[in-house]
Amino acid sequence: MATCILTDHQRGEVFEQLESEMPAAFFKSVGYTAIATLLGGAFAGQAGERATQILSRWPGARLGSMLWLMDAGLFAPVAEVRSTVTDMSNLAAREMIPVGNHDEVLLPGGGEHRLENTYRADGIKIGIEALQRLSELSETWDVEVPWDAQADPISS
């Protein structure tokens, strides 16, 4: 998740102007970054003595991370949670106004969801070289492929 409204390469004067031009967005990004760093760092021991030892040995190891999974079924029936998330997503997509030159609103994951549906219906298009390489690897690792590895991909 991006916790800042600008990417790392956009630092400098532009970033410093945000405080006065867009104070709410600026302070939200500072808050999101602080919480993400706190959670990822605290659970990974980022500020402890062990972290100092690791940092002295591996200077690039300066960040922690955390993956947080919750069982939605502990709070409500899973089907109800799924239905509510779908309803809320549909409502947001219907009521939000597209920004800039976009003609639709897509929530996070919307594009990927659309691609997944397309791939499931039509398959994933890959180049001939990749297909040939996968066929070679299937032989090397003795793994069956769901296509005829000996057939000419252009004529089949």
N, C-alpha and C. Protein backbone atom coordinates (compact mmCIF):
# COMPACT_ATOMS: atom_id res chain seq x y z
N MET A 1 0.85 -1.18 0.00
CA MET A 1 0.00 0.00 0.00
C MET A 1 0.89 1.23 0.00
N ALA A 2 0.60 2.15 -0.83
CA ALA A 2 1.33 3.42 -0.84
C ALA A 2 0.76 4.29 0.29
N THR A 3 1.64 4.75 1.14
CA THR A 3 1.18 5.57 2.26
C THR A 3 1.43 7.04 2.03
N CYS A 4 2.01 7.37 0.90
CA CYS A 4 2.33 8.77 0.61
C CYS A 4 1.69 9.15 -0.73
N ILE A 5 1.31 10.40 -0.85
CA ILE A 5 0.66 10.83 -2.08
C ILE A 5 1.64 11.06 -3.22
N LEU A 6 2.92 11.05 -2.94
CA LEU A 6 3.94 11.17 -3.98
C LEU A 6 4.85 9.96 -3.92
N THR A 7 5.47 9.63 -5.04
CA THR A 7 6.43 8.55 -5.06
C THR A 7 7.77 9.06 -4.53
N ASP A 8 8.67 8.13 -4.24
CA ASP A 8 9.96 8.51 -3.66
C ASP A 8 10.76 9.48 -4.52
N HIS A 9 10.65 9.35 -5.85
CA HIS A 9 11.43 10.24 -6.72
C HIS A 9 10.82 11.64 -6.82
N GLN A 10 9.66 11.86 -6.22
CA GLN A 10 9.01 13.17 -6.30
C GLN A 10 9.28 14.03 -5.07
N ARG A 11 10.28 13.71 -4.32
CA ARG A 11 10.60 14.48 -3.12
C ARG A 11 11.24 15.81 -3.51
N GLY A 12 11.34 16.69 -2.56
CA GLY A 12 11.97 17.99 -2.83
C GLY A 12 10.96 19.10 -2.72
N GLU A 13 11.14 20.14 -3.52
CA GLU A 13 10.29 21.32 -3.43
C GLU A 13 8.82 21.01 -3.63
N VAL A 14 8.51 20.12 -4.58
CA VAL A 14 7.11 19.77 -4.83
C VAL A 14 6.48 19.18 -3.58
N PHE A 15 7.18 18.27 -2.95
CA PHE A 15 6.68 17.63 -1.74
C PHE A 15 6.51 18.65 -0.62
N GLU A 16 7.46 19.53 -0.47
CA GLU A 16 7.41 20.54 0.59
C GLU A 16 6.26 21.53 0.40
N GLN A 17 5.84 21.76 -0.84
CA GLN A 17 4.73 22.68 -1.11
C GLN A 17 3.38 22.09 -0.72
N LEU A 18 3.32 20.77 -0.60
CA LEU A 18 2.04 20.13 -0.32
C LEU A 18 1.43 20.56 1.01
N GLU A 19 2.28 20.81 1.98
CA GLU A 19 1.76 21.19 3.29
C GLU A 19 0.85 22.41 3.20
N SER A 20 1.24 23.38 2.38
CA SER A 20 0.41 24.58 2.26
C SER A 20 -0.66 24.44 1.17
N GLU A 21 -0.37 23.70 0.10
CA GLU A 21 -1.33 23.57 -1.00
C GLU A 21 -2.41 22.54 -0.74
N MET A 22 -2.05 21.46 -0.11
CA MET A 22 -2.99 20.37 0.16
C MET A 22 -2.75 19.84 1.57
N PRO A 23 -3.04 20.63 2.59
CA PRO A 23 -2.69 20.20 3.95
C PRO A 23 -3.34 18.89 4.37
N ALA A 24 -4.60 18.65 4.02
CA ALA A 24 -5.25 17.41 4.44
C ALA A 24 -4.56 16.20 3.83
N ALA A 25 -4.27 16.24 2.53
CA ALA A 25 -3.61 15.12 1.86
C ALA A 25 -2.20 14.92 2.41
N PHE A 26 -1.50 16.02 2.65
CA PHE A 26 -0.14 15.94 3.18
C PHE A 26 -0.14 15.26 4.54
N PHE A 27 -0.99 15.72 5.44
CA PHE A 27 -0.98 15.17 6.80
C PHE A 27 -1.56 13.76 6.86
N LYS A 28 -2.48 13.43 5.94
CA LYS A 28 -2.95 12.05 5.87
C LYS A 28 -1.80 11.13 5.47
N SER A 29 -1.02 11.55 4.48
CA SER A 29 0.08 10.70 4.03
C SER A 29 1.13 10.55 5.13
N VAL A 30 1.36 11.61 5.89
CA VAL A 30 2.30 11.52 7.02
C VAL A 30 1.76 10.53 8.05
N GLY A 31 0.45 10.63 8.34
CA GLY A 31 -0.16 9.73 9.31
C GLY A 31 -0.14 8.28 8.86
N TYR A 32 -0.52 8.03 7.59
CA TYR A 32 -0.49 6.67 7.07
C TYR A 32 0.92 6.08 7.13
N THR A 33 1.89 6.88 6.76
CA THR A 33 3.28 6.41 6.78
C THR A 33 3.70 6.09 8.21
N ALA A 34 3.34 6.95 9.16
CA ALA A 34 3.71 6.72 10.55
C ALA A 34 3.09 5.43 11.08
N ILE A 35 1.81 5.21 10.80
CA ILE A 35 1.13 4.01 11.30
C ILE A 35 1.72 2.75 10.64
N ALA A 36 1.92 2.81 9.33
CA ALA A 36 2.49 1.64 8.63
C ALA A 36 3.89 1.33 9.14
N THR A 37 4.69 2.36 9.35
CA THR A 37 6.05 2.15 9.87
C THR A 37 6.00 1.61 11.29
N LEU A 38 5.11 2.17 12.10
CA LEU A 38 4.98 1.71 13.48
C LEU A 38 4.57 0.24 13.53
N LEU A 39 3.52 -0.12 12.79
CA LEU A 39 3.07 -1.51 12.83
C LEU A 39 4.11 -2.46 12.24
N GLY A 40 4.61 -2.12 11.05
CA GLY A 40 5.62 -2.98 10.42
C GLY A 40 6.90 -3.03 11.21
N GLY A 41 7.30 -1.88 11.76
CA GLY A 41 8.55 -1.82 12.51
C GLY A 41 8.45 -2.44 13.89
N ALA A 42 7.36 -2.15 14.60
CA ALA A 42 7.21 -2.66 15.97
C ALA A 42 7.13 -4.18 15.99
N PHE A 43 6.34 -4.74 15.08
CA PHE A 43 6.20 -6.19 15.07
C PHE A 43 7.45 -6.89 14.56
N ALA A 44 8.25 -6.19 13.79
CA ALA A 44 9.49 -6.77 13.27
C ALA A 44 10.69 -6.41 14.15
N GLY A 45 10.46 -5.65 15.22
CA GLY A 45 11.54 -5.27 16.13
C GLY A 45 12.49 -4.26 15.52
N GLN A 46 11.98 -3.37 14.69
CA GLN A 46 12.81 -2.45 13.93
C GLN A 46 13.65 -1.52 14.81
N ALA A 47 13.15 -1.10 15.96
CA ALA A 47 13.87 -0.12 16.77
C ALA A 47 14.63 -0.75 17.92
N GLY A 48 14.61 -2.05 18.02
CA GLY A 48 15.26 -2.72 19.15
C GLY A 48 16.75 -2.93 18.94
N GLU A 49 17.39 -3.50 19.97
CA GLU A 49 18.83 -3.77 19.93
C GLU A 49 19.17 -4.75 18.82
N ARG A 50 18.34 -5.76 18.62
CA ARG A 50 18.59 -6.74 17.56
C ARG A 50 18.59 -6.07 16.19
N ALA A 51 17.69 -5.11 16.00
CA ALA A 51 17.64 -4.38 14.73
C ALA A 51 18.93 -3.59 14.51
N THR A 52 19.47 -3.02 15.56
CA THR A 52 20.73 -2.27 15.46
C THR A 52 21.85 -3.21 15.04
N GLN A 53 21.88 -4.41 15.61
CA GLN A 53 22.91 -5.39 15.24
C GLN A 53 22.77 -5.80 13.77
N ILE A 54 21.54 -6.04 13.35
CA ILE A 54 21.29 -6.44 11.96
C ILE A 54 21.69 -5.32 11.01
N LEU A 55 21.32 -4.08 11.35
CA LEU A 55 21.64 -2.94 10.51
C LEU A 55 23.15 -2.74 10.37
N SER A 56 23.90 -2.99 11.44
CA SER A 56 25.36 -2.83 11.34
C SER A 56 25.97 -3.90 10.43
N ARG A 57 25.35 -5.06 10.40
CA ARG A 57 25.86 -6.14 9.54
C ARG A 57 25.36 -5.99 8.10
N TRP A 58 24.07 -5.60 7.94
CA TRP A 58 23.46 -5.44 6.62
C TRP A 58 22.84 -4.05 6.55
N PRO A 59 23.58 -3.05 6.11
CA PRO A 59 23.08 -1.67 6.11
C PRO A 59 21.80 -1.45 5.31
N GLY A 60 21.53 -2.29 4.35
CA GLY A 60 20.32 -2.14 3.56
C GLY A 60 19.07 -2.66 4.25
N ALA A 61 19.23 -3.38 5.35
CA ALA A 61 18.09 -3.97 6.08
C ALA A 61 17.58 -2.96 7.10
N ARG A 62 16.93 -1.91 6.59
CA ARG A 62 16.52 -0.84 7.48
C ARG A 62 15.02 -0.76 7.72
N LEU A 63 14.23 -1.64 7.08
CA LEU A 63 12.78 -1.58 7.21
C LEU A 63 12.22 -2.90 7.71
N GLY A 64 11.12 -2.83 8.43
CA GLY A 64 10.41 -4.02 8.85
C GLY A 64 9.17 -4.17 8.01
N SER A 65 8.47 -5.25 8.20
CA SER A 65 7.21 -5.44 7.50
C SER A 65 6.30 -6.34 8.32
N MET A 66 5.04 -6.29 7.99
CA MET A 66 4.08 -7.11 8.69
C MET A 66 2.95 -7.46 7.73
N LEU A 67 2.50 -8.67 7.81
CA LEU A 67 1.33 -9.10 7.06
C LEU A 67 0.27 -9.44 8.10
N TRP A 68 -0.86 -8.79 8.00
CA TRP A 68 -1.90 -8.93 9.00
C TRP A 68 -3.12 -9.57 8.35
N LEU A 69 -3.48 -10.75 8.82
CA LEU A 69 -4.64 -11.46 8.31
C LEU A 69 -5.70 -11.52 9.40
N MET A 70 -6.94 -11.30 9.00
CA MET A 70 -8.03 -11.39 9.97
C MET A 70 -9.06 -12.38 9.45
N ASP A 71 -9.61 -13.15 10.34
CA ASP A 71 -10.69 -14.07 9.99
C ASP A 71 -12.00 -13.29 10.12
N ALA A 72 -12.54 -12.87 8.98
CA ALA A 72 -13.78 -12.08 8.99
C ALA A 72 -14.91 -12.83 9.67
N GLY A 73 -14.85 -14.14 9.66
CA GLY A 73 -15.89 -14.96 10.28
C GLY A 73 -15.95 -14.81 11.79
N LEU A 74 -14.94 -14.22 12.39
CA LEU A 74 -14.98 -13.97 13.84
C LEU A 74 -15.89 -12.79 14.18
N PHE A 75 -16.18 -11.95 13.20
CA PHE A 75 -16.94 -10.73 13.45
C PHE A 75 -18.37 -10.80 12.91
N ALA A 76 -18.56 -11.55 11.84
CA ALA A 76 -19.87 -11.68 11.20
C ALA A 76 -19.80 -12.91 10.29
N PRO A 77 -20.94 -13.44 9.89
CA PRO A 77 -20.90 -14.56 8.94
C PRO A 77 -20.14 -14.17 7.67
N VAL A 78 -19.27 -15.04 7.21
CA VAL A 78 -18.40 -14.74 6.06
C VAL A 78 -19.20 -14.34 4.83
N ALA A 79 -20.29 -15.01 4.55
CA ALA A 79 -21.10 -14.67 3.38
C ALA A 79 -21.64 -13.24 3.50
N GLU A 80 -21.98 -12.85 4.71
CA GLU A 80 -22.49 -11.49 4.93
C GLU A 80 -21.37 -10.46 4.72
N VAL A 81 -20.18 -10.76 5.20
CA VAL A 81 -19.05 -9.84 5.00
C VAL A 81 -18.77 -9.70 3.50
N ARG A 82 -18.71 -10.81 2.78
CA ARG A 82 -18.45 -10.76 1.34
C ARG A 82 -19.52 -9.94 0.61
N SER A 83 -20.78 -10.20 0.96
CA SER A 83 -21.88 -9.49 0.33
C SER A 83 -21.80 -7.99 0.61
N THR A 84 -21.47 -7.64 1.85
CA THR A 84 -21.37 -6.23 2.22
C THR A 84 -20.22 -5.55 1.49
N VAL A 85 -19.08 -6.22 1.40
CA VAL A 85 -17.93 -5.65 0.68
C VAL A 85 -18.30 -5.43 -0.79
N THR A 86 -18.97 -6.41 -1.40
CA THR A 86 -19.40 -6.26 -2.79
C THR A 86 -20.37 -5.09 -2.94
N ASP A 87 -21.35 -5.00 -2.04
CA ASP A 87 -22.32 -3.91 -2.10
C ASP A 87 -21.64 -2.55 -1.93
N MET A 88 -20.71 -2.45 -0.98
CA MET A 88 -20.01 -1.18 -0.75
C MET A 88 -19.14 -0.80 -1.95
N SER A 89 -18.48 -1.79 -2.54
CA SER A 89 -17.64 -1.53 -3.72
C SER A 89 -18.49 -1.06 -4.89
N ASN A 90 -19.62 -1.73 -5.11
CA ASN A 90 -20.51 -1.33 -6.21
C ASN A 90 -21.07 0.07 -5.98
N LEU A 91 -21.43 0.39 -4.75
CA LEU A 91 -21.95 1.71 -4.41
C LEU A 91 -20.89 2.78 -4.66
N ALA A 92 -19.66 2.52 -4.22
CA ALA A 92 -18.58 3.49 -4.41
C ALA A 92 -18.32 3.70 -5.90
N ALA A 93 -18.26 2.62 -6.67
CA ALA A 93 -18.00 2.74 -8.11
C ALA A 93 -19.13 3.47 -8.83
N ARG A 94 -20.35 3.29 -8.35
CA ARG A 94 -21.50 3.94 -8.97
C ARG A 94 -21.57 5.43 -8.63
N GLU A 95 -21.20 5.79 -7.39
CA GLU A 95 -21.39 7.16 -6.93
C GLU A 95 -20.15 8.05 -7.05
N MET A 96 -18.98 7.44 -7.17
CA MET A 96 -17.76 8.25 -7.29
C MET A 96 -17.69 8.85 -8.69
N ILE A 97 -17.06 9.99 -8.78
CA ILE A 97 -16.91 10.68 -10.06
C ILE A 97 -15.50 10.41 -10.58
N PRO A 98 -15.38 9.96 -11.82
CA PRO A 98 -14.04 9.72 -12.39
C PRO A 98 -13.20 11.00 -12.35
N VAL A 99 -11.92 10.84 -12.12
CA VAL A 99 -11.02 12.00 -12.06
C VAL A 99 -10.20 12.09 -13.34
N GLY A 100 -9.72 13.28 -13.60
CA GLY A 100 -8.85 13.51 -14.75
C GLY A 100 -9.52 13.09 -16.04
N ASN A 101 -8.75 12.39 -16.87
CA ASN A 101 -9.28 11.97 -18.16
C ASN A 101 -9.80 10.52 -18.13
N HIS A 102 -10.08 10.00 -16.94
CA HIS A 102 -10.61 8.64 -16.83
C HIS A 102 -12.11 8.66 -17.05
N ASP A 103 -12.62 7.61 -17.66
CA ASP A 103 -14.05 7.56 -17.93
C ASP A 103 -14.81 6.64 -16.98
N GLU A 104 -14.13 6.04 -16.05
CA GLU A 104 -14.79 5.18 -15.08
C GLU A 104 -14.03 5.20 -13.76
N VAL A 105 -14.69 4.73 -12.72
CA VAL A 105 -14.08 4.63 -11.40
C VAL A 105 -13.73 3.17 -11.17
N LEU A 106 -12.49 2.89 -10.86
CA LEU A 106 -12.08 1.55 -10.49
C LEU A 106 -11.48 1.62 -9.09
N LEU A 107 -11.98 0.80 -8.21
CA LEU A 107 -11.42 0.73 -6.87
C LEU A 107 -10.15 -0.12 -6.92
N PRO A 108 -9.31 -0.06 -5.88
CA PRO A 108 -8.10 -0.90 -5.88
C PRO A 108 -8.45 -2.36 -6.15
N GLY A 109 -7.75 -2.96 -7.07
CA GLY A 109 -7.98 -4.34 -7.45
C GLY A 109 -8.99 -4.50 -8.58
N GLY A 110 -9.68 -3.42 -8.96
CA GLY A 110 -10.70 -3.50 -10.00
C GLY A 110 -10.14 -3.90 -11.34
N GLY A 111 -9.02 -3.31 -11.71
CA GLY A 111 -8.39 -3.66 -12.98
C GLY A 111 -7.91 -5.10 -13.00
N GLU A 112 -7.33 -5.53 -11.88
CA GLU A 112 -6.85 -6.90 -11.77
C GLU A 112 -8.02 -7.89 -11.82
N HIS A 113 -9.13 -7.52 -11.18
CA HIS A 113 -10.32 -8.38 -11.20
C HIS A 113 -10.84 -8.54 -12.64
N ARG A 114 -10.86 -7.44 -13.35
CA ARG A 114 -11.31 -7.47 -14.74
C ARG A 114 -10.39 -8.36 -15.59
N LEU A 115 -9.07 -8.21 -15.40
CA LEU A 115 -8.12 -9.04 -16.14
C LEU A 115 -8.28 -10.52 -15.78
N GLU A 116 -8.47 -10.79 -14.49
CA GLU A 116 -8.64 -12.19 -14.08
C GLU A 116 -9.85 -12.81 -14.78
N ASN A 117 -10.95 -12.09 -14.84
CA ASN A 117 -12.13 -12.60 -15.52
C ASN A 117 -11.87 -12.83 -17.00
N THR A 118 -11.16 -11.89 -17.63
CA THR A 118 -10.81 -12.04 -19.05
C THR A 118 -9.91 -13.25 -19.24
N TYR A 119 -8.89 -13.40 -18.39
CA TYR A 119 -7.97 -14.53 -18.51
C TYR A 119 -8.69 -15.86 -18.30
N ARG A 120 -9.62 -15.90 -17.36
CA ARG A 120 -10.37 -17.14 -17.12
C ARG A 120 -11.22 -17.51 -18.33
N ALA A 121 -11.79 -16.50 -18.99
CA ALA A 121 -12.65 -16.75 -20.15
C ALA A 121 -11.84 -17.04 -21.41
N ASP A 122 -10.78 -16.26 -21.64
CA ASP A 122 -10.05 -16.33 -22.91
C ASP A 122 -8.67 -16.95 -22.81
N GLY A 123 -8.18 -17.18 -21.61
CA GLY A 123 -6.82 -17.66 -21.43
C GLY A 123 -5.84 -16.50 -21.37
N ILE A 124 -4.62 -16.80 -20.98
CA ILE A 124 -3.58 -15.78 -20.88
C ILE A 124 -2.73 -15.86 -22.14
N LYS A 125 -2.68 -14.78 -22.86
CA LYS A 125 -1.90 -14.76 -24.10
C LYS A 125 -0.42 -14.60 -23.74
N ILE A 126 0.39 -15.49 -24.31
CA ILE A 126 1.84 -15.39 -24.11
C ILE A 126 2.51 -15.54 -25.46
N GLY A 127 3.72 -15.05 -25.54
CA GLY A 127 4.46 -15.14 -26.79
C GLY A 127 4.92 -16.55 -27.10
N ILE A 128 5.23 -16.78 -28.35
CA ILE A 128 5.67 -18.11 -28.80
C ILE A 128 6.94 -18.53 -28.07
N GLU A 129 7.87 -17.59 -27.89
CA GLU A 129 9.13 -17.91 -27.21
C GLU A 129 8.87 -18.38 -25.78
N ALA A 130 7.96 -17.70 -25.10
CA ALA A 130 7.64 -18.09 -23.72
C ALA A 130 6.98 -19.46 -23.69
N LEU A 131 6.09 -19.72 -24.63
CA LEU A 131 5.42 -21.01 -24.72
C LEU A 131 6.43 -22.13 -24.97
N GLN A 132 7.37 -21.88 -25.87
CA GLN A 132 8.41 -22.87 -26.15
C GLN A 132 9.29 -23.11 -24.92
N ARG A 133 9.62 -22.03 -24.23
CA ARG A 133 10.46 -22.16 -23.03
C ARG A 133 9.72 -22.94 -21.94
N LEU A 134 8.43 -22.68 -21.78
CA LEU A 134 7.64 -23.42 -20.80
C LEU A 134 7.59 -24.91 -21.17
N SER A 135 7.47 -25.19 -22.46
CA SER A 135 7.47 -26.60 -22.90
C SER A 135 8.80 -27.26 -22.59
N GLU A 136 9.90 -26.55 -22.82
CA GLU A 136 11.23 -27.09 -22.49
C GLU A 136 11.35 -27.35 -21.00
N LEU A 137 10.89 -26.40 -20.20
CA LEU A 137 10.96 -26.57 -18.75
C LEU A 137 10.09 -27.72 -18.27
N SER A 138 8.96 -27.94 -18.95
CA SER A 138 8.09 -29.05 -18.56
C SER A 138 8.81 -30.38 -18.74
N GLU A 139 9.61 -30.47 -19.80
CA GLU A 139 10.38 -31.69 -20.02
C GLU A 139 11.50 -31.82 -18.99
N THR A 140 12.18 -30.72 -18.73
CA THR A 140 13.29 -30.74 -17.76
C THR A 140 12.80 -31.18 -16.38
N TRP A 141 11.66 -30.66 -15.97
CA TRP A 141 11.15 -30.92 -14.63
C TRP A 141 10.08 -32.02 -14.59
N ASP A 142 9.86 -32.66 -15.74
CA ASP A 142 8.89 -33.75 -15.84
C ASP A 142 7.52 -33.33 -15.29
N VAL A 143 7.04 -32.20 -15.82
CA VAL A 143 5.74 -31.67 -15.44
C VAL A 143 4.88 -31.61 -16.69
N GLU A 144 3.65 -32.14 -16.60
CA GLU A 144 2.75 -32.10 -17.75
C GLU A 144 2.25 -30.68 -17.99
N VAL A 145 2.14 -30.32 -19.25
CA VAL A 145 1.55 -29.02 -19.60
C VAL A 145 0.18 -29.28 -20.19
N PRO A 146 -0.75 -28.32 -20.05
CA PRO A 146 -2.11 -28.54 -20.56
C PRO A 146 -2.26 -28.28 -22.05
N TRP A 147 -1.16 -28.26 -22.80
CA TRP A 147 -1.21 -28.09 -24.25
C TRP A 147 -0.27 -29.11 -24.87
N ASP A 148 -0.38 -29.29 -26.16
CA ASP A 148 0.50 -30.22 -26.85
C ASP A 148 1.85 -29.54 -27.03
N ALA A 149 2.81 -29.95 -26.24
CA ALA A 149 4.13 -29.30 -26.25
C ALA A 149 4.87 -29.52 -27.56
N GLN A 150 4.47 -30.55 -28.34
CA GLN A 150 5.16 -30.83 -29.60
C GLN A 150 4.51 -30.11 -30.79
N ALA A 151 3.27 -29.58 -30.58
CA ALA A 151 2.55 -28.96 -31.69
C ALA A 151 3.11 -27.59 -32.00
N ASP A 152 2.96 -27.19 -33.25
CA ASP A 152 3.34 -25.85 -33.69
C ASP A 152 2.29 -24.87 -33.13
N PRO A 153 2.68 -23.94 -32.24
CA PRO A 153 1.68 -23.05 -31.62
C PRO A 153 0.98 -22.15 -32.62
N ILE A 154 1.60 -21.87 -33.76
CA ILE A 154 0.97 -20.99 -34.74
C ILE A 154 -0.16 -21.70 -35.47
N SER A 155 0.06 -22.97 -35.83
CA SER A 155 -0.96 -23.67 -36.61
C SER A 155 -2.02 -24.33 -35.74
N SER A 156 -1.81 -24.45 -34.44
CA SER A 156 -2.78 -25.14 -33.60
C SER A 156 -3.74 -24.22 -32.92
